[in-house]
Amino acid sequence: MEPSIARFDTRLPKEQKEFFEYAANLGGYRTLTEFVIVSVQSKADEIIEKHRSIVSSKRDQEIFFDAIMTPPTPSEKLASAAKKYNKLVKQK
């Protein structure tokens, strides 16, 4: 299945277009369009990744804070191990 294609048009000063074309040529891009698409994709990826890491960081902070403030009750095995450890520590 062929992807749908959308058009993106923009107007910019002639000097800016020539500047971009020069950069595209120096960068080895075949066309100005290729240069613009690659550049915009790269910047979009960078912005989205930064946003995702901030959101993940906030979510991780909430999960960590919740775990500290409302810890789960220990299982029977953990409670038994703690009792055994406390007995050993008291004997020394």
C-alpha atoms as a PDB file:
ATOM      1  CA  MET A   1       0.000   0.000   0.000  1.00  0.00           C
ATOM      2  CA  GLU A   2       1.437   3.347  -1.033  1.00  0.00           C
ATOM      3  CA  PRO A   3       1.652   6.060   1.647  1.00  0.00           C
ATOM      4  CA  SER A   4      -0.498   9.127   1.149  1.00  0.00           C
ATOM      5  CA  ILE A   5       1.378  12.252   0.181  1.00  0.00           C
ATOM      6  CA  ALA A   6       0.757  15.730   1.560  1.00  0.00           C
ATOM      7  CA  ARG A   7       2.091  18.989   0.242  1.00  0.00           C
ATOM      8  CA  PHE A   8       3.892  21.636   2.304  1.00  0.00           C
ATOM      9  CA  ASP A   9       4.481  25.031   0.725  1.00  0.00           C
ATOM     10  CA  THR A  10       6.243  28.001   2.219  1.00  0.00           C
ATOM     11  CA  ARG A  11       7.326  31.451   1.185  1.00  0.00           C
ATOM     12  CA  LEU A  12      10.647  32.889   2.252  1.00  0.00           C
ATOM     13  CA  PRO A  13      12.960  35.682   1.213  1.00  0.00           C
ATOM     14  CA  LYS A  14      15.096  34.974  -1.862  1.00  0.00           C
ATOM     15  CA  GLU A  15      18.304  35.419   0.131  1.00  0.00           C
ATOM     16  CA  GLN A  16      17.207  32.851   2.682  1.00  0.00           C
ATOM     17  CA  LYS A  17      16.293  30.359  -0.055  1.00  0.00           C
ATOM     18  CA  GLU A  18      19.689  30.849  -1.689  1.00  0.00           C
ATOM     19  CA  PHE A  19      21.372  30.391   1.687  1.00  0.00           C
ATOM     20  CA  PHE A  20      19.490  27.129   2.263  1.00  0.00           C
ATOM     21  CA  GLU A  21      20.320  25.929  -1.247  1.00  0.00           C
ATOM     22  CA  TYR A  22      23.976  26.674  -0.610  1.00  0.00           C
ATOM     23  CA  ALA A  23      23.896  24.689   2.640  1.00  0.00           C
ATOM     24  CA  ALA A  24      22.069  21.827   0.911  1.00  0.00           C
ATOM     25  CA  ASN A  25      24.699  21.758  -1.811  1.00  0.00           C
ATOM     26  CA  LEU A  26      27.548  21.781   0.721  1.00  0.00           C
ATOM     27  CA  GLY A  27      25.838  19.009   2.662  1.00  0.00           C
ATOM     28  CA  GLY A  28      25.601  16.791  -0.394  1.00  0.00           C
ATOM     29  CA  TYR A  29      21.819  16.853  -0.662  1.00  0.00           C
ATOM     30  CA  ARG A  30      20.357  16.350  -4.131  1.00  0.00           C
ATOM     31  CA  THR A  31      17.673  19.014  -3.709  1.00  0.00           C
ATOM     32  CA  LEU A  32      16.628  21.774  -1.379  1.00  0.00           C
ATOM     33  CA  THR A  33      13.500  19.759  -0.605  1.00  0.00           C
ATOM     34  CA  GLU A  34      15.581  16.771   0.509  1.00  0.00           C
ATOM     35  CA  PHE A  35      17.687  19.050   2.710  1.00  0.00           C
ATOM     36  CA  VAL A  36      14.609  20.645   4.289  1.00  0.00           C
ATOM     37  CA  ILE A  37      12.872  17.303   4.896  1.00  0.00           C
ATOM     38  CA  VAL A  38      15.954  15.692   6.468  1.00  0.00           C
ATOM     39  CA  SER A  39      16.683  18.760   8.599  1.00  0.00           C
ATOM     40  CA  VAL A  40      13.107  19.178   9.804  1.00  0.00           C
ATOM     41  CA  GLN A  41      12.781  15.434  10.530  1.00  0.00           C
ATOM     42  CA  SER A  42      15.968  15.502  12.582  1.00  0.00           C
ATOM     43  CA  LYS A  43      14.860  18.526  14.606  1.00  0.00           C
ATOM     44  CA  ALA A  44      11.373  17.055  15.112  1.00  0.00           C
ATOM     45  CA  ASP A  45      12.896  13.780  16.370  1.00  0.00           C
ATOM     46  CA  GLU A  46      15.097  15.741  18.791  1.00  0.00           C
ATOM     47  CA  ILE A  47      12.177  17.800  20.160  1.00  0.00           C
ATOM     48  CA  ILE A  48       9.894  14.779  20.552  1.00  0.00           C
ATOM     49  CA  GLU A  49      12.604  12.697  22.254  1.00  0.00           C
ATOM     50  CA  LYS A  50      13.289  15.522  24.701  1.00  0.00           C
ATOM     51  CA  HIS A  51       9.563  15.805  25.456  1.00  0.00           C
ATOM     52  CA  ARG A  52       9.239  12.043  25.971  1.00  0.00           C
ATOM     53  CA  SER A  53      12.202  11.966  28.346  1.00  0.00           C
ATOM     54  CA  ILE A  54      10.705  14.815  30.399  1.00  0.00           C
ATOM     55  CA  VAL A  55       7.322  13.085  30.547  1.00  0.00           C
ATOM     56  CA  SER A  56       8.969   9.760  31.435  1.00  0.00           C
ATOM     57  CA  SER A  57      11.066  11.452  34.094  1.00  0.00           C
ATOM     58  CA  LYS A  58       7.998  13.034  35.696  1.00  0.00           C
ATOM     59  CA  ARG A  59       6.145   9.705  35.574  1.00  0.00           C
ATOM     60  CA  ASP A  60       9.140   7.920  37.122  1.00  0.00           C
ATOM     61  CA  GLN A  61       9.285  10.530  39.883  1.00  0.00           C
ATOM     62  CA  GLU A  62       5.597  10.001  40.640  1.00  0.00           C
ATOM     63  CA  ILE A  63       6.010   6.215  40.739  1.00  0.00           C
ATOM     64  CA  PHE A  64       9.087   6.491  42.989  1.00  0.00           C
ATOM     65  CA  PHE A  65       7.407   8.989  45.327  1.00  0.00           C
ATOM     66  CA  ASP A  66       4.288   6.812  45.545  1.00  0.00           C
ATOM     67  CA  ALA A  67       6.406   3.742  46.351  1.00  0.00           C
ATOM     68  CA  ILE A  68       8.218   5.625  49.142  1.00  0.00           C
ATOM     69  CA  MET A  69       5.085   7.175  50.619  1.00  0.00           C
ATOM     70  CA  THR A  70       2.831   4.117  50.348  1.00  0.00           C
ATOM     71  CA  PRO A  71       5.035   1.038  50.348  1.00  0.00           C
ATOM     72  CA  PRO A  72       3.364  -2.337  49.858  1.00  0.00           C
ATOM     73  CA  THR A  73       3.021  -4.563  52.892  1.00  0.00           C
ATOM     74  CA  PRO A  74       5.802  -7.138  53.100  1.00  0.00           C
ATOM     75  CA  SER A  75       5.045 -10.681  51.996  1.00  0.00           C
ATOM     76  CA  GLU A  76       5.191 -13.538  54.525  1.00  0.00           C
ATOM     77  CA  LYS A  77       8.589 -14.613  53.186  1.00  0.00           C
ATOM     78  CA  LEU A  78      10.018 -11.114  53.580  1.00  0.00           C
ATOM     79  CA  ALA A  79       8.570 -10.714  57.084  1.00  0.00           C
ATOM     80  CA  SER A  80      10.007 -14.109  58.083  1.00  0.00           C
ATOM     81  CA  ALA A  81      13.423 -13.213  56.655  1.00  0.00           C
ATOM     82  CA  ALA A  82      13.389  -9.896  58.553  1.00  0.00           C
ATOM     83  CA  LYS A  83      12.612 -11.706  61.828  1.00  0.00           C
ATOM     84  CA  LYS A  84      15.456 -14.165  61.253  1.00  0.00           C
ATOM     85  CA  TYR A  85      17.842 -11.319  60.434  1.00  0.00           C
ATOM     86  CA  ASN A  86      16.839  -9.367  63.541  1.00  0.00           C
ATOM     87  CA  LYS A  87      17.424 -12.443  65.722  1.00  0.00           C
ATOM     88  CA  LEU A  88      20.896 -12.926  64.218  1.00  0.00           C
ATOM     89  CA  VAL A  89      21.797  -9.258  64.705  1.00  0.00           C
ATOM     90  CA  LYS A  90      20.660  -9.271  68.347  1.00  0.00           C
ATOM     91  CA  GLN A  91      22.752 -12.370  69.111  1.00  0.00           C
ATOM     92  CA  LYS A  92      26.018 -10.711  68.063  1.00  0.00           C
END
